[in-house]
């Protein structure tokens, strides 16, 4: 055997750094809507997501210039409202519908894995759920899309609105909530906006306004821009309470906020799950879930089911959740890895159950990781006792 010479004494092998962790902005929206056929509807192909960074791009893809003016379309008008919000979404997609086939247009969004919220441009038709071999129609297509995509791991929230043309009446709250009741999501994936007499697509405006907020910020009393409501059609206190208690978000012009502006009266999702009732809670959980998946994917195939390997896993989770704690997105967290607790125990002191858990983990190459977070929500209601003394 030949022993290598000592020269050149020190050999250095350059190892490239690990790939950067995947990032996901929580403020990416998609607006799906109608345009006229042909050149009047812009250059974009139907059922194809197009990212629009400027209104000029929105005109090119979903409208056209005619005699020096914009020949508006429903989709362009909704995209314009999205751009008016301040702060506005981090990214905006437009998707052109072929006829009324919303299901096909929403299907074109399935591979756009950065989208977190979706609306249908100025659409108030409830439609019908899929059945008899037929795809869902109207707003039911939106509900089916966000629920199925969320179940597949790409969490999304759909924004819809009750018909703003519904007349004011003594039974208004009952009438509008009954009309859209079938759109309630059991998985907290829909938000329903109410703005009687509103001009413009208030659902898209609301979605874009929410997208501009940090995920843990409550949407209560946050401002919407670009839409208006006639004073005579704005909601009474009783209607505001009734709609909110039905998980519909009324848009109001609060007397206690100076000036004339429209705001969210509440922050609820249109859901049957009371444990996931508020928009900020679901957005925060969605973002934390993505961060965990993106931050831990590098351990798959490399992390070992040993004490050092599982310790590395816990350190990695701390590195993901620690910054959220410092930024006050969450109030506290706890990481529990049962197999690590066992591996920290000397082998002679382990029970038969402990050994079985370790053996099973190594045979199946599966590790349980339990993350508990404490979320401190923002105040939505203050109860003030005013006591007068003489």
Protein backbone atom coordinates (compact mmCIF):
# COMPACT_ATOMS: atom_id res chain seq x y z
CA UNK A 1 0.00 0.00 0.00
CA UNK A 2 1.32 3.43 -0.99
CA UNK A 3 1.04 6.10 1.66
CA UNK A 4 0.20 9.52 0.12
CA UNK A 5 2.76 12.27 0.47
CA UNK A 6 2.02 14.99 2.97
CA UNK A 7 2.30 17.69 0.30
CA UNK A 8 0.31 19.89 -0.27
CA UNK A 9 -0.43 19.43 3.46
CA UNK A 10 -3.94 20.91 3.44
CA UNK A 11 -6.56 19.94 0.87
CA UNK A 12 -9.82 21.87 0.77
CA UNK A 13 -12.96 20.58 -0.93
CA UNK A 14 -15.58 23.24 -1.58
CA UNK A 15 -19.08 21.97 -0.75
CA UNK A 16 -21.91 24.10 -2.18
CA UNK A 17 -24.31 25.51 0.42
CA UNK A 18 -27.74 23.86 0.86
CA UNK A 19 -30.52 25.23 -1.36
CA UNK A 20 -32.44 28.17 0.14
CA UNK A 21 -35.64 27.42 2.01
CA UNK A 22 -38.80 27.81 -0.08
CA UNK A 23 -40.70 31.02 0.63
CA UNK A 24 -44.42 31.67 0.26
CA UNK A 25 -45.93 35.12 0.37
CA UNK A 26 -49.34 35.02 2.10
CA UNK A 27 -50.60 37.90 -0.03
CA UNK A 28 -50.90 36.32 -3.49
CA UNK A 29 -54.39 36.52 -5.00
CA UNK A 30 -56.11 35.33 -8.16
CA UNK A 31 -59.16 36.91 -9.79
CA UNK A 32 -61.13 34.74 -12.19
CA UNK A 33 -63.61 36.52 -14.43
CA UNK A 34 -65.38 37.11 -17.68
CA UNK A 35 -64.20 39.10 -20.69
CA UNK A 36 -65.74 39.39 -24.17
CA UNK A 37 -64.54 36.86 -26.71
CA UNK A 38 -61.96 37.82 -29.30
CA UNK A 39 -59.72 40.87 -29.23
CA UNK A 40 -62.17 42.79 -27.03
CA UNK A 41 -61.27 40.45 -24.18
CA UNK A 42 -57.51 40.99 -24.32
CA UNK A 43 -54.60 38.84 -25.37
CA UNK A 44 -54.58 36.29 -22.54
CA UNK A 45 -55.72 32.76 -23.28
CA UNK A 46 -58.74 31.40 -21.42
CA UNK A 47 -58.15 29.24 -18.31
CA UNK A 48 -54.54 30.46 -18.11
CA UNK A 49 -53.25 32.36 -15.04
CA UNK A 50 -51.44 35.56 -15.99
CA UNK A 51 -49.50 37.54 -13.38
CA UNK A 52 -50.21 41.25 -13.74
CA UNK A 53 -47.79 43.70 -12.16
CA UNK A 54 -49.37 46.86 -13.58
CA UNK A 55 -52.75 48.03 -14.83
CA UNK A 56 -51.22 48.36 -18.29
CA UNK A 57 -50.63 44.61 -18.27
CA UNK A 58 -54.21 44.08 -17.12
CA UNK A 59 -55.46 46.11 -20.07
CA UNK A 60 -53.30 44.17 -22.52
CA UNK A 61 -54.38 40.77 -21.24
CA UNK A 62 -58.01 41.30 -20.21
CA UNK A 63 -59.30 44.41 -22.00
CA UNK A 64 -58.20 46.73 -24.82
CA UNK A 65 -57.73 50.37 -25.73
CA UNK A 66 -60.44 51.72 -28.03
CA UNK A 67 -60.45 55.31 -29.28
CA UNK A 68 -57.93 56.20 -26.60
CA UNK A 69 -60.04 54.81 -23.77
CA UNK A 70 -60.06 51.50 -21.92
CA UNK A 71 -62.84 49.21 -23.13
CA UNK A 72 -63.55 47.78 -19.71
CA UNK A 73 -64.41 44.18 -18.88
CA UNK A 74 -65.63 42.59 -15.65
CA UNK A 75 -62.24 41.00 -15.04
CA UNK A 76 -60.31 44.21 -15.71
CA UNK A 77 -62.54 46.22 -13.36
CA UNK A 78 -61.95 43.72 -10.55
CA UNK A 79 -58.20 43.72 -11.11
CA UNK A 80 -58.22 47.51 -10.98
CA UNK A 81 -59.90 47.35 -7.57
CA UNK A 82 -57.24 44.95 -6.37
CA UNK A 83 -54.52 47.44 -7.38
CA UNK A 84 -56.29 50.25 -5.49
CA UNK A 85 -55.91 48.62 -2.07
CA UNK A 86 -53.20 50.01 0.20
CA UNK A 87 -51.21 48.02 1.10
CA UNK A 88 -51.96 45.93 -1.95
CA UNK A 89 -51.37 42.21 -2.53
CA UNK A 90 -47.83 41.03 -3.13
CA UNK A 91 -48.84 39.40 -6.43
CA UNK A 92 -52.01 39.39 -8.53
CA UNK A 93 -53.10 36.80 -11.08
CA UNK A 94 -55.89 37.21 -13.59
CA UNK A 95 -57.64 34.24 -15.20
CA UNK A 96 -60.03 34.61 -18.12
CA UNK A 97 -63.16 32.44 -18.13
CA UNK A 98 -64.36 30.75 -21.30
CA UNK A 99 -68.09 31.46 -21.25
CA UNK A 100 -69.44 30.54 -17.81
CA UNK A 101 -67.12 27.60 -17.18
CA UNK A 102 -65.60 28.75 -13.88
CA UNK A 103 -64.61 25.20 -12.98
CA UNK A 104 -62.25 24.99 -15.97
CA UNK A 105 -60.76 28.44 -15.29
CA UNK A 106 -60.20 27.58 -11.62
CA UNK A 107 -58.64 24.30 -12.75
CA UNK A 108 -56.02 26.36 -14.55
CA UNK A 109 -54.99 27.76 -11.16
CA UNK A 110 -54.24 24.39 -9.60
CA UNK A 111 -50.54 24.48 -10.44
CA UNK A 112 -50.10 28.11 -9.32
CA UNK A 113 -48.83 27.01 -5.92
CA UNK A 114 -48.24 30.52 -4.58
CA UNK A 115 -51.90 31.57 -4.66
CA UNK A 116 -53.49 32.00 -1.22
CA UNK A 117 -56.82 33.68 -2.04
CA UNK A 118 -59.24 33.52 -4.97
CA UNK A 119 -62.33 35.44 -6.09
CA UNK A 120 -64.71 35.45 -9.06
CA UNK A 121 -64.90 38.90 -10.67
CA UNK A 122 -68.18 40.60 -9.75
CA UNK A 123 -69.98 37.24 -9.59
CA UNK A 124 -73.03 36.85 -7.34
CA UNK A 125 -74.65 33.75 -8.86
CA UNK A 126 -74.58 31.04 -6.19
CA UNK A 127 -74.78 28.27 -8.78
CA UNK A 128 -74.87 24.58 -7.92
CA UNK A 129 -72.49 22.00 -6.51
CA UNK A 130 -71.06 19.30 -8.77
CA UNK A 131 -73.45 16.46 -9.46
CA UNK A 132 -74.62 14.06 -12.13
CA UNK A 133 -71.30 14.29 -13.91
CA UNK A 134 -71.59 18.07 -14.19
CA UNK A 135 -68.96 20.44 -12.72
CA UNK A 136 -69.91 23.01 -10.08
CA UNK A 137 -71.18 26.34 -11.33
CA UNK A 138 -71.12 29.94 -10.10
CA UNK A 139 -69.76 30.54 -6.63
CA UNK A 140 -70.03 26.82 -5.88
CA UNK A 141 -67.13 26.35 -8.30
CA UNK A 142 -65.08 28.74 -6.15
CA UNK A 143 -65.99 26.87 -2.97
CA UNK A 144 -65.14 23.50 -4.51
CA UNK A 145 -61.80 24.85 -5.74
CA UNK A 146 -60.54 26.34 -2.48
CA UNK A 147 -61.70 23.35 -0.44
CA UNK A 148 -60.15 20.75 -2.74
CA UNK A 149 -56.88 22.67 -3.13
CA UNK A 150 -56.64 23.20 0.63
CA UNK A 151 -57.22 19.51 1.26
CA UNK A 152 -54.39 18.77 -1.17
CA UNK A 153 -52.00 20.97 0.82
CA UNK A 154 -52.25 24.26 -1.09
CA UNK A 155 -54.24 26.28 1.43
CA UNK A 156 -56.55 28.89 -0.10
CA UNK A 157 -59.47 31.09 0.96
CA UNK A 158 -62.26 32.04 -1.45
CA UNK A 159 -63.88 35.48 -1.27
CA UNK A 160 -67.48 35.89 -2.44
CA UNK A 161 -70.24 38.44 -1.95
CA UNK A 162 -73.97 38.48 -1.49
CA UNK A 163 -75.83 40.24 -4.28
CA UNK A 164 -75.38 43.98 -3.61
CA UNK A 165 -78.58 44.63 -5.59
CA UNK A 166 -80.72 42.83 -2.99
CA UNK A 167 -83.27 45.40 -1.86
CA UNK A 168 -83.43 46.77 1.67
CA UNK A 169 -86.24 45.15 3.62
CA UNK A 170 -87.29 44.10 7.10
CA UNK A 171 -86.12 40.55 6.30
CA UNK A 172 -82.88 41.51 4.51
CA UNK A 173 -80.53 39.61 6.83
CA UNK A 174 -82.61 36.44 6.69
CA UNK A 175 -83.02 36.70 2.92
CA UNK A 176 -79.35 37.16 2.00
CA UNK A 177 -78.00 34.62 4.47
CA UNK A 178 -80.49 32.01 3.26
CA UNK A 179 -79.54 32.71 -0.36
CA UNK A 180 -75.84 31.97 0.22
CA UNK A 181 -76.09 29.40 3.03
CA UNK A 182 -75.03 26.51 0.76
CA UNK A 183 -71.66 28.23 0.28
CA UNK A 184 -70.66 27.81 3.92
CA UNK A 185 -67.42 25.88 4.17
CA UNK A 186 -67.02 23.19 6.81
CA UNK A 187 -63.23 23.66 6.56
CA UNK A 188 -63.26 27.48 6.93
CA UNK A 189 -62.23 28.15 3.34
CA UNK A 190 -64.81 30.81 2.36
CA UNK A 191 -65.34 34.45 3.28
CA UNK A 192 -68.69 36.09 2.44
CA UNK A 193 -68.89 39.87 2.02
CA UNK A 194 -72.07 41.96 2.25
CA UNK A 195 -72.24 45.52 0.89
CA UNK A 196 -75.75 46.57 -0.07
CA UNK A 197 -75.83 48.90 -3.05
CA UNK A 198 -72.06 48.78 -3.46
CA UNK A 199 -70.46 49.92 -6.68
CA UNK A 200 -67.82 47.51 -7.94
CA UNK A 201 -66.65 44.04 -7.04
CA UNK A 202 -66.53 44.28 -3.26
CA UNK A 203 -65.47 40.62 -2.90
CA UNK A 204 -62.26 41.20 -4.85
CA UNK A 205 -61.64 44.53 -3.11
CA UNK A 206 -62.03 42.81 0.26
CA UNK A 207 -59.74 39.95 -0.76
CA UNK A 208 -57.03 42.35 -1.94
CA UNK A 209 -57.33 44.42 1.24
CA UNK A 210 -56.88 41.30 3.38
CA UNK A 211 -53.96 40.11 1.25
CA UNK A 212 -52.08 43.31 1.99
CA UNK A 213 -52.20 42.68 5.76
CA UNK A 214 -49.74 40.54 7.74
CA UNK A 215 -51.35 37.14 8.37
CA UNK A 216 -51.79 37.66 12.12
CA UNK A 217 -53.49 41.05 11.80
CA UNK A 218 -57.23 41.08 12.43
CA UNK A 219 -59.25 42.45 9.53
CA UNK A 220 -61.84 44.09 11.81
CA UNK A 221 -62.26 47.78 10.90
CA UNK A 222 -59.56 47.60 8.22
CA UNK A 223 -60.24 49.84 5.22
CA UNK A 224 -61.45 48.97 1.71
CA UNK A 225 -60.72 51.32 -1.17
CA UNK A 226 -62.32 51.85 -4.54
CA UNK A 227 -65.91 50.91 -3.65
CA UNK A 228 -68.78 53.00 -2.31
CA UNK A 229 -72.19 52.45 -0.73
CA UNK A 230 -75.06 54.97 -0.81
CA UNK A 231 -75.81 56.24 2.69
CA UNK A 232 -79.46 55.25 2.45
CA UNK A 233 -78.49 51.63 1.73
CA UNK A 234 -75.81 51.23 4.39
CA UNK A 235 -76.49 48.80 7.20
CA UNK A 236 -78.30 49.58 10.43
CA UNK A 237 -76.84 48.43 13.78
CA UNK A 238 -79.28 45.52 13.87
CA UNK A 239 -78.33 44.42 10.38
CA UNK A 240 -74.61 44.65 11.19
CA UNK A 241 -75.09 42.38 14.20
CA UNK A 242 -77.35 39.99 12.31
CA UNK A 243 -75.01 39.58 9.36
CA UNK A 244 -71.96 39.22 11.57
CA UNK A 245 -73.60 36.58 13.74
CA UNK A 246 -74.41 34.69 10.52
CA UNK A 247 -70.66 34.83 9.66
CA UNK A 248 -71.23 37.28 6.80
CA UNK A 249 -68.85 40.27 6.79
CA UNK A 250 -70.77 43.56 6.49
CA UNK A 251 -68.97 46.52 4.98
CA UNK A 252 -69.69 49.68 6.97
CA UNK A 253 -68.82 53.35 7.29
CA UNK A 254 -68.24 53.61 11.06
CA UNK A 255 -69.41 56.84 12.72
CA UNK A 256 -66.46 56.70 15.14
CA UNK A 257 -63.87 56.84 12.33
CA UNK A 258 -63.46 60.31 10.89
CA UNK A 259 -64.17 60.90 7.23
CA UNK A 260 -66.11 58.79 4.78
CA UNK A 261 -64.56 55.36 4.28
CA UNK A 262 -65.64 51.74 4.18
CA UNK A 263 -64.36 49.11 6.60
CA UNK A 264 -64.85 45.47 7.60
CA UNK A 265 -67.38 45.28 10.43
CA UNK A 266 -66.14 41.85 11.56
CA UNK A 267 -63.42 39.33 10.79
CA UNK A 268 -65.18 36.00 10.40
CA UNK A 269 -65.06 33.29 7.78
CA UNK A 270 -68.23 31.83 6.29
CA UNK A 271 -67.89 28.51 8.09
CA UNK A 272 -69.61 25.89 10.19
CA UNK A 273 -66.42 25.31 12.22
CA UNK A 274 -66.51 27.64 15.22
CA UNK A 275 -62.93 26.69 16.18
CA UNK A 276 -61.60 28.19 12.91
CA UNK A 277 -63.86 31.21 12.73
CA UNK A 278 -61.58 34.17 12.07
CA UNK A 279 -59.67 35.10 8.93
CA UNK A 280 -56.43 35.99 10.73
CA UNK A 281 -56.33 32.70 12.64
CA UNK A 282 -56.69 30.58 9.50
CA UNK A 283 -54.18 32.69 7.55
CA UNK A 284 -51.66 32.38 10.38
CA UNK A 285 -52.07 28.61 10.62
CA UNK A 286 -51.75 28.29 6.84
CA UNK A 287 -48.50 30.26 6.86
CA UNK A 288 -47.02 28.31 9.78
CA UNK A 289 -47.92 25.04 8.09
CA UNK A 290 -46.12 26.09 4.92
CA UNK A 291 -43.07 27.29 6.85
CA UNK A 292 -42.82 23.96 8.67
CA UNK A 293 -43.14 21.93 5.49
CA UNK A 294 -40.64 24.07 3.60
CA UNK A 295 -38.20 24.19 6.50
CA UNK A 296 -38.28 20.46 7.28
CA UNK A 297 -38.23 19.04 3.75
CA UNK A 298 -34.41 19.10 3.78
CA UNK A 299 -34.34 16.49 6.56
CA UNK A 300 -36.28 13.95 4.51
CA UNK A 301 -33.81 11.29 3.41
CA UNK A 302 -31.00 12.75 5.52
CA UNK A 303 -32.19 13.10 9.12
CA UNK A 304 -31.68 9.87 11.08
CA UNK A 305 -33.80 8.33 13.79
CA UNK A 306 -31.10 8.64 16.40
CA UNK A 307 -30.65 10.97 19.34
CA UNK A 308 -28.44 13.40 17.33
CA UNK A 309 -30.74 13.18 14.30
CA UNK A 310 -33.91 13.89 16.26
CA UNK A 311 -32.18 16.68 18.17
CA UNK A 312 -31.34 18.25 14.83
CA UNK A 313 -35.02 18.00 13.90
CA UNK A 314 -36.06 19.84 17.05
CA UNK A 315 -33.45 22.54 16.48
CA UNK A 316 -34.75 23.01 12.95
CA UNK A 317 -38.32 23.49 14.22
CA UNK A 318 -37.09 25.98 16.80
CA UNK A 319 -35.41 27.89 13.98
CA UNK A 320 -38.73 28.12 12.13
CA UNK A 321 -41.03 29.02 15.02
CA UNK A 322 -38.60 31.11 17.05
CA UNK A 323 -38.70 34.10 14.66
CA UNK A 324 -42.52 33.99 14.67
CA UNK A 325 -42.44 34.19 18.45
CA UNK A 326 -40.05 37.15 18.34
CA UNK A 327 -42.20 38.90 15.73
CA UNK A 328 -45.26 38.36 17.99
CA UNK A 329 -47.08 36.38 15.32
CA UNK A 330 -47.56 33.68 17.98
CA UNK A 331 -47.43 34.01 21.75
CA UNK A 332 -45.73 30.70 22.58
CA UNK A 333 -44.98 27.28 21.13
CA UNK A 334 -43.96 23.80 22.25
CA UNK A 335 -42.27 21.03 20.25
CA UNK A 336 -42.76 17.40 21.25
CA UNK A 337 -40.98 14.50 19.51
CA UNK A 338 -41.94 11.32 21.41
CA UNK A 339 -39.17 9.20 19.90
CA UNK A 340 -36.56 11.79 20.92
CA UNK A 341 -37.78 11.68 24.53
CA UNK A 342 -37.23 7.92 24.48
CA UNK A 343 -33.82 8.12 22.79
CA UNK A 344 -32.67 10.50 25.50
CA UNK A 345 -33.33 7.75 28.05
CA UNK A 346 -30.52 5.18 28.57
CA UNK A 347 -31.41 1.98 26.75
CA UNK A 348 -31.30 -0.07 29.94
CA UNK A 349 -33.94 2.19 31.49
CA UNK A 350 -36.43 1.99 28.61
CA UNK A 351 -39.66 0.09 28.94
CA UNK A 352 -40.93 -2.47 26.45
CA UNK A 353 -43.33 0.16 25.14
CA UNK A 354 -40.47 2.61 24.62
CA UNK A 355 -38.48 0.03 22.66
CA UNK A 356 -41.52 -0.81 20.57
CA UNK A 357 -42.03 2.87 19.66
CA UNK A 358 -38.39 3.25 18.58
CA UNK A 359 -38.45 -0.02 16.62
CA UNK A 360 -41.66 0.95 14.82
CA UNK A 361 -40.30 4.40 13.96
CA UNK A 362 -37.17 2.90 12.47
CA UNK A 363 -39.01 0.15 10.59
CA UNK A 364 -41.57 2.53 9.05
CA UNK A 365 -39.11 5.45 8.87
CA UNK A 366 -41.85 7.65 10.27
CA UNK A 367 -41.45 10.16 13.09
CA UNK A 368 -44.28 11.90 14.96
CA UNK A 369 -43.72 15.61 15.57
CA UNK A 370 -46.25 17.52 17.66
CA UNK A 371 -46.13 21.31 17.53
CA UNK A 372 -48.38 23.28 19.87
CA UNK A 373 -48.68 27.03 19.34
CA UNK A 374 -50.40 29.67 21.44
CA UNK A 375 -52.04 32.35 19.33
CA UNK A 376 -52.89 35.71 20.90
CA UNK A 377 -55.65 37.23 18.76
CA UNK A 378 -56.36 40.94 18.50
CA UNK A 379 -59.22 42.50 20.45
CA UNK A 380 -62.46 42.62 18.46
CA UNK A 381 -64.74 43.89 21.23
CA UNK A 382 -64.25 45.96 24.37
CA UNK A 383 -66.74 45.87 27.25
CA UNK A 384 -66.48 49.20 29.05
CA UNK A 385 -68.22 49.91 32.34
CA UNK A 386 -68.70 53.64 32.79
CA UNK A 387 -69.44 54.48 36.41
CA UNK A 388 -70.52 58.00 37.34
CA UNK A 389 -69.88 59.19 40.92
CA UNK A 390 -71.18 62.33 42.56
